[in-house]
């Protein structure tokens, strides 16, 4: 699995950080997503998929 984020699309909702804090973070100044791990371990894959599916701005792409 490889993950990419489009910071230009991100609205700063933060759901991704709540679901997978080892993979996603937010910038302090504006809340925009920061990708911490573009290739997370297997045990986080389900959480990453969920984070991508609930992202209101569709800013997270998961490449299997």
N, C-alpha and C. Protein backbone atom coordinates (compact mmCIF):
# COMPACT_ATOMS: atom_id res chain seq x y z
N UNK A 1 0.84 -1.17 0.00
CA UNK A 1 0.00 0.00 0.00
C UNK A 1 0.88 1.24 0.00
N UNK A 2 0.49 2.19 -0.84
CA UNK A 2 1.14 3.50 -0.85
C UNK A 2 0.05 4.56 -0.76
N UNK A 3 0.31 5.60 0.00
CA UNK A 3 -0.68 6.65 0.22
C UNK A 3 -0.13 7.96 -0.31
N UNK A 4 -1.02 8.74 -0.91
CA UNK A 4 -0.69 10.11 -1.29
C UNK A 4 -1.80 11.01 -0.76
N UNK A 5 -1.45 12.25 -0.49
CA UNK A 5 -2.44 13.23 -0.06
C UNK A 5 -2.34 14.46 -0.96
N UNK A 6 -3.47 15.09 -1.18
CA UNK A 6 -3.52 16.33 -1.93
C UNK A 6 -3.84 17.45 -0.94
N UNK A 7 -2.80 18.14 -0.50
CA UNK A 7 -3.00 19.19 0.50
C UNK A 7 -3.87 20.31 -0.03
N UNK A 8 -3.90 20.49 -1.33
CA UNK A 8 -4.75 21.52 -1.93
C UNK A 8 -6.24 21.23 -1.80
N UNK A 9 -6.59 19.95 -1.68
CA UNK A 9 -7.98 19.55 -1.50
C UNK A 9 -8.41 19.53 -0.03
N UNK A 10 -7.45 19.31 0.86
CA UNK A 10 -7.74 19.11 2.28
C UNK A 10 -8.48 20.28 2.88
N UNK A 11 -9.54 19.96 3.65
CA UNK A 11 -10.32 21.01 4.31
C UNK A 11 -10.03 21.06 5.81
N UNK A 12 -9.12 20.20 6.29
CA UNK A 12 -8.72 20.25 7.69
C UNK A 12 -9.70 19.63 8.67
N UNK A 13 -10.54 18.72 8.20
CA UNK A 13 -11.52 18.09 9.09
C UNK A 13 -10.86 17.26 10.20
N UNK A 14 -9.73 16.63 9.89
CA UNK A 14 -8.97 15.91 10.90
C UNK A 14 -9.42 14.49 11.17
N UNK A 15 -10.37 13.98 10.45
CA UNK A 15 -10.84 12.61 10.67
C UNK A 15 -9.72 11.61 10.44
N UNK A 16 -8.88 11.87 9.46
CA UNK A 16 -7.77 10.96 9.16
C UNK A 16 -6.83 10.84 10.35
N UNK A 17 -6.57 11.94 11.02
CA UNK A 17 -5.68 11.95 12.18
C UNK A 17 -6.30 11.17 13.33
N UNK A 18 -7.59 11.32 13.51
CA UNK A 18 -8.27 10.58 14.58
C UNK A 18 -8.24 9.07 14.33
N UNK A 19 -8.39 8.67 13.07
CA UNK A 19 -8.40 7.25 12.73
C UNK A 19 -7.02 6.63 12.68
N UNK A 20 -6.05 7.35 12.13
CA UNK A 20 -4.71 6.77 11.93
C UNK A 20 -3.63 7.80 12.26
N UNK A 21 -3.46 8.10 13.55
CA UNK A 21 -2.49 9.14 13.95
C UNK A 21 -1.03 8.78 13.67
N UNK A 22 -0.74 7.51 13.41
CA UNK A 22 0.62 7.13 13.06
C UNK A 22 0.92 7.39 11.59
N UNK A 23 -0.12 7.66 10.82
CA UNK A 23 0.03 7.85 9.38
C UNK A 23 -0.21 9.30 8.98
N UNK A 24 -1.15 9.95 9.65
CA UNK A 24 -1.54 11.32 9.30
C UNK A 24 -1.37 12.27 10.48
N UNK A 25 -1.07 13.52 10.17
CA UNK A 25 -1.03 14.59 11.16
C UNK A 25 -1.61 15.82 10.47
N UNK A 26 -1.69 16.92 11.21
CA UNK A 26 -2.19 18.18 10.67
C UNK A 26 -1.20 19.28 10.98
N UNK A 27 -1.06 20.22 10.04
CA UNK A 27 -0.21 21.38 10.29
C UNK A 27 -0.85 22.22 11.38
N UNK A 28 -0.02 22.77 12.24
CA UNK A 28 -0.51 23.57 13.36
C UNK A 28 -1.20 24.85 12.91
N UNK A 29 -0.71 25.47 11.85
CA UNK A 29 -1.23 26.78 11.48
C UNK A 29 -2.58 26.75 10.79
N UNK A 30 -2.86 25.69 10.00
CA UNK A 30 -4.12 25.69 9.26
C UNK A 30 -4.86 24.35 9.26
N UNK A 31 -4.32 23.33 9.90
CA UNK A 31 -5.01 22.05 10.01
C UNK A 31 -4.93 21.16 8.79
N UNK A 32 -4.16 21.55 7.78
CA UNK A 32 -4.05 20.76 6.57
C UNK A 32 -3.28 19.46 6.85
N UNK A 33 -3.70 18.39 6.20
CA UNK A 33 -3.11 17.07 6.42
C UNK A 33 -1.62 17.05 6.09
N UNK A 34 -0.90 16.27 6.90
CA UNK A 34 0.51 15.99 6.68
C UNK A 34 0.64 14.47 6.70
N UNK A 35 1.24 13.91 5.67
CA UNK A 35 1.44 12.47 5.59
C UNK A 35 2.72 12.09 6.33
N UNK A 36 2.58 11.26 7.35
CA UNK A 36 3.73 10.84 8.15
C UNK A 36 4.36 9.55 7.63
N UNK A 37 3.56 8.71 6.99
CA UNK A 37 4.05 7.41 6.52
C UNK A 37 3.34 7.05 5.22
N UNK A 38 4.04 7.17 4.11
CA UNK A 38 3.41 6.91 2.81
C UNK A 38 3.24 5.42 2.52
N UNK A 39 3.91 4.56 3.29
CA UNK A 39 3.80 3.11 3.13
C UNK A 39 3.65 2.47 4.51
N UNK A 40 2.48 2.61 5.12
CA UNK A 40 2.29 2.12 6.49
C UNK A 40 2.30 0.59 6.56
N UNK A 41 2.57 0.07 7.75
CA UNK A 41 2.57 -1.38 7.93
C UNK A 41 1.17 -1.98 7.76
N UNK A 42 1.15 -3.25 7.49
CA UNK A 42 -0.09 -3.99 7.21
C UNK A 42 -1.17 -3.77 8.27
N UNK A 43 -0.78 -3.72 9.53
CA UNK A 43 -1.79 -3.60 10.59
C UNK A 43 -2.53 -2.27 10.57
N UNK A 44 -2.06 -1.29 9.80
CA UNK A 44 -2.76 0.00 9.70
C UNK A 44 -3.56 0.16 8.42
N UNK A 45 -3.49 -0.81 7.52
CA UNK A 45 -4.13 -0.67 6.21
C UNK A 45 -5.63 -0.43 6.31
N UNK A 46 -6.33 -1.16 7.16
CA UNK A 46 -7.78 -0.98 7.27
C UNK A 46 -8.13 0.42 7.76
N UNK A 47 -7.37 0.93 8.73
CA UNK A 47 -7.62 2.27 9.24
C UNK A 47 -7.34 3.33 8.18
N UNK A 48 -6.31 3.13 7.40
CA UNK A 48 -5.97 4.08 6.33
C UNK A 48 -7.06 4.08 5.26
N UNK A 49 -7.54 2.89 4.89
CA UNK A 49 -8.64 2.82 3.91
C UNK A 49 -9.88 3.54 4.44
N UNK A 50 -10.18 3.36 5.71
CA UNK A 50 -11.33 4.04 6.30
C UNK A 50 -11.13 5.55 6.30
N UNK A 51 -9.94 6.00 6.66
CA UNK A 51 -9.65 7.43 6.66
C UNK A 51 -9.84 8.02 5.27
N UNK A 52 -9.38 7.31 4.26
CA UNK A 52 -9.54 7.79 2.89
C UNK A 52 -11.02 7.83 2.49
N UNK A 53 -11.77 6.83 2.91
CA UNK A 53 -13.18 6.76 2.51
C UNK A 53 -14.04 7.81 3.19
N UNK A 54 -13.67 8.24 4.40
CA UNK A 54 -14.49 9.23 5.10
C UNK A 54 -13.98 10.66 4.94
N UNK A 55 -12.87 10.84 4.24
CA UNK A 55 -12.33 12.18 4.03
C UNK A 55 -13.34 13.02 3.24
N UNK A 56 -13.85 14.11 3.82
CA UNK A 56 -14.88 14.89 3.14
C UNK A 56 -14.39 15.60 1.87
N UNK A 57 -13.09 15.77 1.76
CA UNK A 57 -12.53 16.46 0.59
C UNK A 57 -11.89 15.51 -0.41
N UNK A 58 -11.93 14.21 -0.12
CA UNK A 58 -11.30 13.20 -0.97
C UNK A 58 -9.84 13.54 -1.24
N UNK A 59 -9.14 13.96 -0.20
CA UNK A 59 -7.75 14.39 -0.32
C UNK A 59 -6.76 13.25 -0.14
N UNK A 60 -7.22 12.07 0.23
CA UNK A 60 -6.35 10.93 0.48
C UNK A 60 -6.56 9.89 -0.60
N UNK A 61 -5.46 9.47 -1.23
CA UNK A 61 -5.54 8.41 -2.24
C UNK A 61 -4.73 7.21 -1.74
N UNK A 62 -5.34 6.04 -1.83
CA UNK A 62 -4.70 4.79 -1.44
C UNK A 62 -4.42 3.99 -2.70
N UNK A 63 -3.18 3.61 -2.87
CA UNK A 63 -2.75 2.83 -4.02
C UNK A 63 -2.34 1.45 -3.52
N UNK A 64 -3.10 0.45 -3.89
CA UNK A 64 -2.84 -0.92 -3.42
C UNK A 64 -1.73 -1.57 -4.20
